Structures are given as C-alpha cells and as structure tokens.
Amino acid sequence: MNKRNYMKSPEGLQRIRTLIDEQKTVMMASDLDKTPFSVCPMTLQQMDEKGDLWFFVAKDSGLFEDIEKDNRVQIIYSDEQNHHYVSMFGNATHIIAKQKRAELWNPDLLNWFKGKDDDNLALISVNMENAYYWDHENAKLVSFFKIGKGGSVKETSDSETKGFVNL
C-alpha cells in the first residue's frame, strides 16, 4: 500500500477534490465531546474552489444547534463503487445567503424544505482542517487483500493509497 501525505499544499486539496467529485450523502458527526456524538446523514452539495464543503440544513435541527455550541465536525465519505473513503475534520459555519442558496438549490430538497426561500433553510459551510483518505485506484470489486500462492494473505499492489491531508 502506498502512503502519501500532503502538508498544507494545493496538491492535498486537489487529491480530496478528486475523491469527492460528486454530490453524495455523507455522515456528519457533531457534538464531538459527547459520547456518543451526534451523527446525521447530509448531502454534500459542493466543494468550492477554496475547498469548503457546502450542505443545506434545517435551522430547527439538532445539527444546527450542535454547531452553534461547538462548530467542530467530522465528515465520513464513502464511495464503495470506486473504493474511495475519506474522513474529514473541520469547522462548520451557518450561512444565510440567498445567492448561495439559489446556486446550490435542487428540486430533491423539496423532500425537506418548502423551497429555496423556506425560512427554516440555512447552509452550512465546513472549512476542512485535515482529512484522511483511502483509495483503491483500480476500483475492482475485490478485497483489499489477495490470496498468494500457498493460501497466504498479502497486501495488494501499488494500486492502493492511503494518506493524510493537512489543509
């Protein structure tokens, strides 16, 4: 397995961007000092040019309240089809911006909100501090291990990468 760490470099941000290149449901953990911490499924709307992650949230939700008390969040991203896995830590900020709402709005959100002008609708912007990633570049539906001659288990080739990104 290859290991690649990025320390405060644009390449690190680009690496994360290539791994989370689409709208996806992620798990967002908040109230990180509490055991168990709070976890909520959220749809990642966008990773902007600075690397901030954008989500819609209800103002009356537990997540919104958690972020008011402690803005640290952990985001778990899993793309099983492509074998991309990312754990991101950062600071969340509530954003009330009609222009950004309009930019990110999509009709699927009508399941939770009355529309992009819903008074209960807010945005969360997460500024990532760091991330860990695991990437199986061949994206085959095989184990991360292969059976070698004689039935022994060996790690696969250089197609697996894990690393750390400090932003």
N, C-alpha and C. Protein backbone atom coordinates (compact mmCIF):
# COMPACT_ATOMS: atom_id res chain seq x y z
N MET A 1 0.84 -1.17 0.00
CA MET A 1 0.00 0.00 0.00
C MET A 1 0.89 1.23 0.00
N ASN A 2 0.59 2.13 -0.90
CA ASN A 2 1.31 3.40 -0.96
C ASN A 2 0.76 4.34 0.11
N LYS A 3 1.62 5.16 0.67
CA LYS A 3 1.20 6.20 1.60
C LYS A 3 1.63 7.53 1.03
N ARG A 4 0.72 8.50 1.08
CA ARG A 4 1.02 9.82 0.55
C ARG A 4 0.40 10.86 1.46
N ASN A 5 1.22 11.68 2.07
CA ASN A 5 0.76 12.74 2.95
C ASN A 5 1.00 14.09 2.29
N TYR A 6 0.07 14.99 2.49
CA TYR A 6 0.17 16.34 1.94
C TYR A 6 0.10 17.32 3.10
N MET A 7 1.07 18.17 3.22
CA MET A 7 1.11 19.13 4.31
C MET A 7 0.97 20.54 3.76
N LYS A 8 -0.22 21.11 3.95
CA LYS A 8 -0.51 22.49 3.54
C LYS A 8 -0.10 22.77 2.10
N SER A 9 -0.57 21.91 1.20
CA SER A 9 -0.23 22.09 -0.21
C SER A 9 -1.48 22.03 -1.07
N PRO A 10 -1.47 22.73 -2.21
CA PRO A 10 -2.62 22.68 -3.11
C PRO A 10 -2.86 21.26 -3.64
N GLU A 11 -1.81 20.45 -3.72
CA GLU A 11 -1.96 19.07 -4.20
C GLU A 11 -2.85 18.25 -3.25
N GLY A 12 -2.76 18.52 -1.95
CA GLY A 12 -3.59 17.82 -0.98
C GLY A 12 -5.06 18.13 -1.18
N LEU A 13 -5.37 19.40 -1.36
CA LEU A 13 -6.75 19.80 -1.62
C LEU A 13 -7.25 19.18 -2.92
N GLN A 14 -6.42 19.17 -3.94
CA GLN A 14 -6.79 18.57 -5.21
C GLN A 14 -7.03 17.07 -5.07
N ARG A 15 -6.25 16.40 -4.24
CA ARG A 15 -6.42 14.97 -4.01
C ARG A 15 -7.79 14.68 -3.41
N ILE A 16 -8.18 15.47 -2.40
CA ILE A 16 -9.50 15.29 -1.79
C ILE A 16 -10.59 15.61 -2.81
N ARG A 17 -10.40 16.66 -3.58
CA ARG A 17 -11.40 17.04 -4.60
C ARG A 17 -11.64 15.90 -5.60
N THR A 18 -10.59 15.20 -6.01
CA THR A 18 -10.77 14.11 -6.97
C THR A 18 -11.49 12.92 -6.33
N LEU A 19 -11.37 12.76 -5.02
CA LEU A 19 -12.03 11.64 -4.35
C LEU A 19 -13.51 11.91 -4.07
N ILE A 20 -13.89 13.16 -3.88
CA ILE A 20 -15.29 13.50 -3.59
C ILE A 20 -15.83 14.41 -4.68
N ASP A 21 -15.85 13.92 -5.88
CA ASP A 21 -16.14 14.75 -7.05
C ASP A 21 -17.61 14.84 -7.43
N GLU A 22 -18.53 14.41 -6.56
CA GLU A 22 -19.93 14.47 -6.92
C GLU A 22 -20.78 14.69 -5.68
N GLN A 23 -22.05 15.08 -5.91
CA GLN A 23 -23.00 15.20 -4.80
C GLN A 23 -23.17 13.82 -4.20
N LYS A 24 -23.11 13.74 -2.88
CA LYS A 24 -23.12 12.43 -2.23
C LYS A 24 -23.64 12.59 -0.82
N THR A 25 -24.33 11.57 -0.33
CA THR A 25 -24.74 11.56 1.06
C THR A 25 -23.56 11.11 1.91
N VAL A 26 -23.28 11.89 2.92
CA VAL A 26 -22.18 11.62 3.84
C VAL A 26 -22.76 11.56 5.25
N MET A 27 -21.95 11.12 6.19
CA MET A 27 -22.35 11.17 7.59
C MET A 27 -21.57 12.31 8.23
N MET A 28 -22.29 13.21 8.90
CA MET A 28 -21.67 14.34 9.59
C MET A 28 -21.85 14.15 11.09
N ALA A 29 -20.73 14.12 11.79
CA ALA A 29 -20.75 13.98 13.25
C ALA A 29 -20.53 15.35 13.88
N SER A 30 -21.32 15.64 14.91
CA SER A 30 -21.20 16.90 15.63
C SER A 30 -21.24 16.61 17.13
N ASP A 31 -21.11 17.64 17.93
CA ASP A 31 -21.08 17.48 19.39
C ASP A 31 -20.04 16.43 19.75
N LEU A 32 -18.83 16.64 19.24
CA LEU A 32 -17.77 15.63 19.29
C LEU A 32 -17.26 15.32 20.69
N ASP A 33 -17.52 16.18 21.67
CA ASP A 33 -17.09 15.91 23.04
C ASP A 33 -18.03 14.95 23.76
N LYS A 34 -19.23 14.76 23.24
CA LYS A 34 -20.23 13.91 23.87
C LYS A 34 -20.05 12.47 23.40
N THR A 35 -20.34 11.52 24.27
CA THR A 35 -20.31 10.11 23.88
C THR A 35 -21.70 9.54 24.11
N PRO A 36 -22.34 8.99 23.10
CA PRO A 36 -21.90 9.03 21.70
C PRO A 36 -22.16 10.42 21.11
N PHE A 37 -21.33 10.78 20.13
CA PHE A 37 -21.52 12.05 19.45
C PHE A 37 -22.73 11.94 18.53
N SER A 38 -23.22 13.06 18.06
CA SER A 38 -24.38 13.08 17.17
C SER A 38 -23.94 12.83 15.73
N VAL A 39 -24.72 12.04 15.01
CA VAL A 39 -24.41 11.75 13.61
C VAL A 39 -25.68 11.98 12.78
N CYS A 40 -25.49 12.60 11.63
CA CYS A 40 -26.62 12.93 10.77
C CYS A 40 -26.23 12.73 9.30
N PRO A 41 -27.08 12.06 8.51
CA PRO A 41 -26.79 11.98 7.07
C PRO A 41 -27.05 13.34 6.43
N MET A 42 -26.12 13.76 5.60
CA MET A 42 -26.22 15.05 4.92
C MET A 42 -25.80 14.86 3.47
N THR A 43 -26.37 15.66 2.58
CA THR A 43 -25.97 15.60 1.18
C THR A 43 -24.96 16.70 0.90
N LEU A 44 -23.78 16.28 0.50
CA LEU A 44 -22.75 17.23 0.11
C LEU A 44 -23.20 17.90 -1.18
N GLN A 45 -23.38 19.20 -1.13
CA GLN A 45 -23.85 19.94 -2.30
C GLN A 45 -22.69 20.37 -3.19
N GLN A 46 -21.58 20.76 -2.56
CA GLN A 46 -20.48 21.31 -3.35
C GLN A 46 -19.21 21.36 -2.51
N MET A 47 -18.09 21.19 -3.20
CA MET A 47 -16.79 21.55 -2.64
C MET A 47 -16.33 22.73 -3.49
N ASP A 48 -16.27 23.90 -2.88
CA ASP A 48 -15.98 25.10 -3.67
C ASP A 48 -14.49 25.21 -3.99
N GLU A 49 -14.13 26.28 -4.68
CA GLU A 49 -12.75 26.45 -5.15
C GLU A 49 -11.74 26.56 -4.01
N LYS A 50 -12.18 26.99 -2.82
CA LYS A 50 -11.29 27.08 -1.66
C LYS A 50 -11.21 25.76 -0.90
N GLY A 51 -12.09 24.83 -1.24
CA GLY A 51 -12.12 23.54 -0.55
C GLY A 51 -13.17 23.46 0.54
N ASP A 52 -13.98 24.51 0.70
CA ASP A 52 -15.06 24.45 1.69
C ASP A 52 -16.17 23.55 1.18
N LEU A 53 -16.77 22.80 2.11
CA LEU A 53 -17.85 21.87 1.79
C LEU A 53 -19.18 22.52 2.16
N TRP A 54 -20.18 22.40 1.28
CA TRP A 54 -21.46 23.07 1.46
C TRP A 54 -22.59 22.06 1.60
N PHE A 55 -23.47 22.34 2.59
CA PHE A 55 -24.62 21.49 2.89
C PHE A 55 -25.82 22.38 3.20
N PHE A 56 -27.03 21.88 2.92
CA PHE A 56 -28.25 22.52 3.40
C PHE A 56 -28.61 21.90 4.74
N VAL A 57 -29.20 22.72 5.63
CA VAL A 57 -29.59 22.24 6.95
C VAL A 57 -30.84 22.99 7.41
N ALA A 58 -31.64 22.34 8.22
CA ALA A 58 -32.81 22.99 8.82
C ALA A 58 -32.37 23.73 10.08
N LYS A 59 -32.84 24.95 10.22
CA LYS A 59 -32.48 25.76 11.40
C LYS A 59 -32.99 25.14 12.70
N ASP A 60 -34.07 24.36 12.61
CA ASP A 60 -34.62 23.75 13.83
C ASP A 60 -34.09 22.34 14.08
N SER A 61 -33.00 21.98 13.42
CA SER A 61 -32.43 20.63 13.58
C SER A 61 -31.43 20.58 14.73
N GLY A 62 -31.20 19.38 15.22
CA GLY A 62 -30.19 19.17 16.24
C GLY A 62 -28.80 19.52 15.74
N LEU A 63 -28.51 19.25 14.47
CA LEU A 63 -27.21 19.57 13.91
C LEU A 63 -26.95 21.07 13.93
N PHE A 64 -27.95 21.85 13.55
CA PHE A 64 -27.83 23.31 13.56
C PHE A 64 -27.51 23.79 14.97
N GLU A 65 -28.22 23.25 15.96
CA GLU A 65 -27.99 23.62 17.36
C GLU A 65 -26.61 23.18 17.84
N ASP A 66 -26.20 21.96 17.47
CA ASP A 66 -24.87 21.47 17.86
C ASP A 66 -23.77 22.41 17.37
N ILE A 67 -23.89 22.87 16.13
CA ILE A 67 -22.86 23.73 15.53
C ILE A 67 -22.83 25.10 16.20
N GLU A 68 -23.99 25.55 16.71
CA GLU A 68 -23.99 26.81 17.46
C GLU A 68 -23.16 26.70 18.73
N LYS A 69 -23.19 25.52 19.38
CA LYS A 69 -22.46 25.31 20.64
C LYS A 69 -20.99 24.99 20.38
N ASP A 70 -20.72 24.17 19.38
CA ASP A 70 -19.36 23.71 19.06
C ASP A 70 -19.33 23.44 17.57
N ASN A 71 -18.55 24.21 16.85
CA ASN A 71 -18.62 24.12 15.39
C ASN A 71 -17.72 23.04 14.79
N ARG A 72 -17.04 22.24 15.60
CA ARG A 72 -16.19 21.17 15.06
C ARG A 72 -17.07 20.02 14.55
N VAL A 73 -16.75 19.55 13.35
CA VAL A 73 -17.49 18.42 12.77
C VAL A 73 -16.53 17.43 12.13
N GLN A 74 -16.96 16.20 12.07
CA GLN A 74 -16.24 15.13 11.37
C GLN A 74 -17.18 14.64 10.27
N ILE A 75 -16.67 14.52 9.06
CA ILE A 75 -17.48 14.08 7.92
C ILE A 75 -16.88 12.79 7.39
N ILE A 76 -17.73 11.79 7.24
CA ILE A 76 -17.30 10.49 6.73
C ILE A 76 -17.91 10.30 5.34
N TYR A 77 -17.04 10.14 4.36
CA TYR A 77 -17.43 9.98 2.95
C TYR A 77 -17.06 8.57 2.51
N SER A 78 -18.01 7.87 1.92
CA SER A 78 -17.75 6.51 1.46
C SER A 78 -18.32 6.33 0.06
N ASP A 79 -17.47 5.98 -0.87
CA ASP A 79 -17.88 5.68 -2.24
C ASP A 79 -17.44 4.25 -2.53
N GLU A 80 -18.33 3.31 -2.21
CA GLU A 80 -17.98 1.89 -2.34
C GLU A 80 -17.76 1.46 -3.78
N GLN A 81 -18.47 2.07 -4.71
CA GLN A 81 -18.31 1.69 -6.12
C GLN A 81 -16.89 1.96 -6.61
N ASN A 82 -16.32 3.09 -6.22
CA ASN A 82 -14.98 3.45 -6.67
C ASN A 82 -13.90 3.19 -5.62
N HIS A 83 -14.31 2.68 -4.48
CA HIS A 83 -13.38 2.38 -3.38
C HIS A 83 -12.63 3.63 -2.92
N HIS A 84 -13.37 4.73 -2.75
CA HIS A 84 -12.83 5.97 -2.20
C HIS A 84 -13.45 6.18 -0.83
N TYR A 85 -12.62 6.42 0.17
CA TYR A 85 -13.09 6.63 1.53
C TYR A 85 -12.33 7.81 2.11
N VAL A 86 -13.06 8.75 2.72
CA VAL A 86 -12.43 9.96 3.24
C VAL A 86 -13.06 10.31 4.58
N SER A 87 -12.23 10.64 5.55
CA SER A 87 -12.68 11.16 6.84
C SER A 87 -12.11 12.56 6.96
N MET A 88 -13.02 13.55 7.05
CA MET A 88 -12.60 14.96 7.06
C MET A 88 -13.00 15.61 8.37
N PHE A 89 -12.11 16.41 8.92
CA PHE A 89 -12.39 17.16 10.13
C PHE A 89 -12.31 18.64 9.79
N GLY A 90 -13.25 19.41 10.34
CA GLY A 90 -13.22 20.85 10.08
C GLY A 90 -14.15 21.61 10.97
N ASN A 91 -14.30 22.88 10.67
CA ASN A 91 -15.16 23.79 11.42
C ASN A 91 -16.32 24.24 10.54
N ALA A 92 -17.52 24.10 11.09
CA ALA A 92 -18.74 24.44 10.36
C ALA A 92 -19.22 25.83 10.73
N THR A 93 -19.78 26.51 9.76
CA THR A 93 -20.34 27.84 9.97
C THR A 93 -21.71 27.89 9.34
N HIS A 94 -22.69 28.47 10.06
CA HIS A 94 -24.02 28.69 9.49
C HIS A 94 -23.94 29.86 8.51
N ILE A 95 -24.54 29.67 7.36
CA ILE A 95 -24.54 30.72 6.34
C ILE A 95 -25.98 30.98 5.91
N ILE A 96 -26.39 32.21 5.95
CA ILE A 96 -27.70 32.60 5.43
C ILE A 96 -27.42 33.51 4.24
N ALA A 97 -27.40 32.93 3.05
CA ALA A 97 -27.05 33.69 1.85
C ALA A 97 -27.97 33.25 0.71
N LYS A 98 -28.86 34.14 0.32
CA LYS A 98 -29.85 33.79 -0.71
C LYS A 98 -29.20 33.44 -2.04
N GLN A 99 -28.13 34.14 -2.40
CA GLN A 99 -27.47 33.86 -3.67
C GLN A 99 -26.88 32.46 -3.68
N LYS A 100 -26.24 32.05 -2.58
CA LYS A 100 -25.64 30.71 -2.50
C LYS A 100 -26.74 29.65 -2.44
N ARG A 101 -27.84 29.94 -1.75
CA ARG A 101 -28.99 29.02 -1.72
C ARG A 101 -29.47 28.75 -3.14
N ALA A 102 -29.65 29.81 -3.90
CA ALA A 102 -30.14 29.68 -5.27
C ALA A 102 -29.15 28.89 -6.13
N GLU A 103 -27.87 29.14 -5.93
CA GLU A 103 -26.83 28.45 -6.70
C GLU A 103 -26.85 26.94 -6.43
N LEU A 104 -27.03 26.55 -5.18
CA LEU A 104 -26.95 25.13 -4.81
C LEU A 104 -28.28 24.40 -4.79
N TRP A 105 -29.38 25.13 -4.86
CA TRP A 105 -30.70 24.52 -4.74
C TRP A 105 -30.95 23.49 -5.84
N ASN A 106 -31.59 22.39 -5.44
CA ASN A 106 -32.08 21.42 -6.42
C ASN A 106 -33.41 20.88 -5.94
N PRO A 107 -34.27 20.43 -6.86
CA PRO A 107 -35.63 20.02 -6.51
C PRO A 107 -35.71 18.85 -5.51
N ASP A 108 -34.67 18.05 -5.41
CA ASP A 108 -34.69 16.95 -4.44
C ASP A 108 -34.85 17.46 -3.00
N LEU A 109 -34.44 18.69 -2.77
CA LEU A 109 -34.52 19.26 -1.43
C LEU A 109 -35.96 19.55 -1.00
N LEU A 110 -36.90 19.47 -1.94
CA LEU A 110 -38.31 19.68 -1.60
C LEU A 110 -38.83 18.59 -0.67
N ASN A 111 -38.09 17.49 -0.53
CA ASN A 111 -38.46 16.46 0.44
C ASN A 111 -38.32 16.98 1.88
N TRP A 112 -37.49 18.00 2.10
CA TRP A 112 -37.21 18.50 3.45
C TRP A 112 -37.60 19.96 3.64
N PHE A 113 -37.63 20.71 2.54
CA PHE A 113 -37.89 22.14 2.64
C PHE A 113 -38.99 22.55 1.68
N LYS A 114 -39.66 23.67 1.98
CA LYS A 114 -40.76 24.17 1.15
C LYS A 114 -40.26 24.79 -0.16
N GLY A 115 -39.01 25.13 -0.21
CA GLY A 115 -38.41 25.76 -1.38
C GLY A 115 -37.16 26.50 -0.96
N LYS A 116 -36.48 27.09 -1.91
CA LYS A 116 -35.22 27.77 -1.58
C LYS A 116 -35.42 29.00 -0.72
N ASP A 117 -36.65 29.48 -0.58
CA ASP A 117 -36.92 30.63 0.28
C ASP A 117 -37.53 30.23 1.61
N ASP A 118 -37.53 28.95 1.93
CA ASP A 118 -38.04 28.43 3.20
C ASP A 118 -37.31 29.12 4.36
N ASP A 119 -38.07 29.66 5.32
CA ASP A 119 -37.46 30.35 6.47
C ASP A 119 -36.63 29.42 7.34
N ASN A 120 -36.87 28.12 7.27
CA ASN A 120 -36.15 27.14 8.08
C ASN A 120 -34.86 26.66 7.40
N LEU A 121 -34.60 27.13 6.21
CA LEU A 121 -33.46 26.68 5.41
C LEU A 121 -32.22 27.53 5.67
N ALA A 122 -31.12 26.84 5.92
CA ALA A 122 -29.82 27.52 6.06
C ALA A 122 -28.77 26.67 5.37
N LEU A 123 -27.61 27.21 5.23
CA LEU A 123 -26.47 26.49 4.69
C LEU A 123 -25.44 26.29 5.77
N ILE A 124 -24.68 25.22 5.64
CA ILE A 124 -23.51 25.00 6.48
C ILE A 124 -22.32 24.97 5.53
N SER A 125 -21.31 25.74 5.87
CA SER A 125 -20.04 25.69 5.15
C SER A 125 -19.02 25.09 6.11
N VAL A 126 -18.35 24.03 5.67
CA VAL A 126 -17.35 23.39 6.51
C VAL A 126 -15.98 23.67 5.92
N ASN A 127 -15.16 24.33 6.72
CA ASN A 127 -13.78 24.60 6.35
C ASN A 127 -12.94 23.44 6.86
N MET A 128 -12.43 22.62 5.94
CA MET A 128 -11.67 21.44 6.34
C MET A 128 -10.31 21.84 6.92
N GLU A 129 -9.96 21.20 8.03
CA GLU A 129 -8.62 21.37 8.59
C GLU A 129 -7.70 20.24 8.15
N ASN A 130 -8.25 19.03 8.13
CA ASN A 130 -7.45 17.89 7.69
C ASN A 130 -8.36 16.75 7.27
N ALA A 131 -7.76 15.79 6.60
CA ALA A 131 -8.52 14.64 6.11
C ALA A 131 -7.60 13.43 6.00
N TYR A 132 -8.19 12.28 6.20
CA TYR A 132 -7.53 11.01 5.92
C TYR A 132 -8.27 10.40 4.75
N TYR A 133 -7.55 9.74 3.88
CA TYR A 133 -8.22 9.11 2.74
C TYR A 133 -7.63 7.73 2.48
N TRP A 134 -8.48 6.90 1.88
CA TRP A 134 -8.10 5.57 1.41
C TRP A 134 -8.66 5.45 0.01
N ASP A 135 -7.84 5.02 -0.92
CA ASP A 135 -8.23 4.99 -2.33
C ASP A 135 -7.69 3.72 -2.96
N HIS A 136 -8.57 2.94 -3.54
CA HIS A 136 -8.17 1.76 -4.30
C HIS A 136 -8.34 2.14 -5.76
N GLU A 137 -7.26 2.57 -6.39
CA GLU A 137 -7.33 3.18 -7.71
C GLU A 137 -7.89 2.28 -8.80
N ASN A 138 -7.71 0.96 -8.67
CA ASN A 138 -8.25 0.07 -9.70
C ASN A 138 -9.76 -0.11 -9.57
N ALA A 139 -10.30 0.21 -8.40
CA ALA A 139 -11.75 0.17 -8.15
C ALA A 139 -12.37 -1.16 -8.58
N LYS A 140 -11.69 -2.24 -8.33
CA LYS A 140 -12.25 -3.55 -8.64
C LYS A 140 -13.04 -4.04 -7.45
N LEU A 141 -14.03 -4.85 -7.71
CA LEU A 141 -14.81 -5.42 -6.62
C LEU A 141 -14.09 -6.63 -6.06
N VAL A 142 -12.93 -6.35 -5.50
CA VAL A 142 -12.12 -7.38 -4.86
C VAL A 142 -11.74 -6.88 -3.48
N SER A 143 -11.27 -7.76 -2.67
CA SER A 143 -10.84 -7.40 -1.34
C SER A 143 -9.60 -6.53 -1.43
N PHE A 144 -9.31 -5.82 -0.35
CA PHE A 144 -8.07 -5.08 -0.28
C PHE A 144 -6.89 -6.03 -0.12
N PHE A 145 -7.16 -7.29 -0.01
CA PHE A 145 -6.12 -8.31 0.12
C PHE A 145 -6.29 -9.33 -0.99
N LYS A 146 -5.20 -9.96 -1.37
CA LYS A 146 -5.32 -11.03 -2.35
C LYS A 146 -4.63 -12.26 -1.78
N ILE A 147 -5.11 -13.39 -2.20
CA ILE A 147 -4.53 -14.64 -1.73
C ILE A 147 -3.37 -14.98 -2.63
N GLY A 148 -2.18 -15.15 -2.05
CA GLY A 148 -0.99 -15.52 -2.79
C GLY A 148 -0.85 -17.03 -2.86
N LYS A 149 0.20 -17.49 -3.45
CA LYS A 149 0.45 -18.92 -3.54
C LYS A 149 0.54 -19.51 -2.14
N GLY A 150 0.01 -20.69 -1.97
CA GLY A 150 0.05 -21.35 -0.67
C GLY A 150 -1.01 -20.83 0.28
N GLY A 151 -1.94 -19.99 -0.18
CA GLY A 151 -3.03 -19.52 0.65
C GLY A 151 -2.67 -18.40 1.60
N SER A 152 -1.50 -17.82 1.48
CA SER A 152 -1.14 -16.73 2.38
C SER A 152 -1.80 -15.44 1.92
N VAL A 153 -2.04 -14.55 2.84
CA VAL A 153 -2.68 -13.28 2.53
C VAL A 153 -1.60 -12.20 2.42
N LYS A 154 -1.62 -11.47 1.31
CA LYS A 154 -0.65 -10.40 1.09
C LYS A 154 -1.40 -9.14 0.70
N GLU A 155 -0.83 -7.99 1.02
CA GLU A 155 -1.45 -6.74 0.58
C GLU A 155 -1.36 -6.64 -0.93
N THR A 156 -2.32 -5.96 -1.51
CA THR A 156 -2.33 -5.82 -2.96
C THR A 156 -1.24 -4.86 -3.40
N SER A 157 -1.20 -4.65 -4.68
CA SER A 157 -0.14 -3.88 -5.32
C SER A 157 -0.19 -2.40 -4.99
N ASP A 158 0.52 -1.64 -5.78
CA ASP A 158 0.61 -0.20 -5.58
C ASP A 158 -0.68 0.53 -5.93
N SER A 159 -1.76 -0.19 -6.26
CA SER A 159 -2.99 0.48 -6.63
C SER A 159 -3.74 1.01 -5.41
N GLU A 160 -3.34 0.64 -4.22
CA GLU A 160 -3.98 1.14 -3.01
C GLU A 160 -3.17 2.30 -2.45
N THR A 161 -3.86 3.35 -2.06
CA THR A 161 -3.19 4.51 -1.49
C THR A 161 -3.96 4.95 -0.26
N LYS A 162 -3.23 5.29 0.78
CA LYS A 162 -3.85 5.95 1.92
C LYS A 162 -2.98 7.13 2.28
N GLY A 163 -3.59 8.12 2.90
CA GLY A 163 -2.79 9.28 3.22
C GLY A 163 -3.51 10.25 4.12
N PHE A 164 -2.81 11.33 4.42
CA PHE A 164 -3.25 12.37 5.29
C PHE A 164 -3.09 13.70 4.55
N VAL A 165 -4.08 14.56 4.69
CA VAL A 165 -4.01 15.89 4.09
C VAL A 165 -4.20 16.90 5.20
N ASN A 166 -3.24 17.76 5.41
CA ASN A 166 -3.34 18.84 6.37
C ASN A 166 -3.57 20.12 5.58
N LEU A 167 -4.75 20.69 5.75
CA LEU A 167 -5.10 21.88 4.98
C LEU A 167 -4.86 23.12 5.81
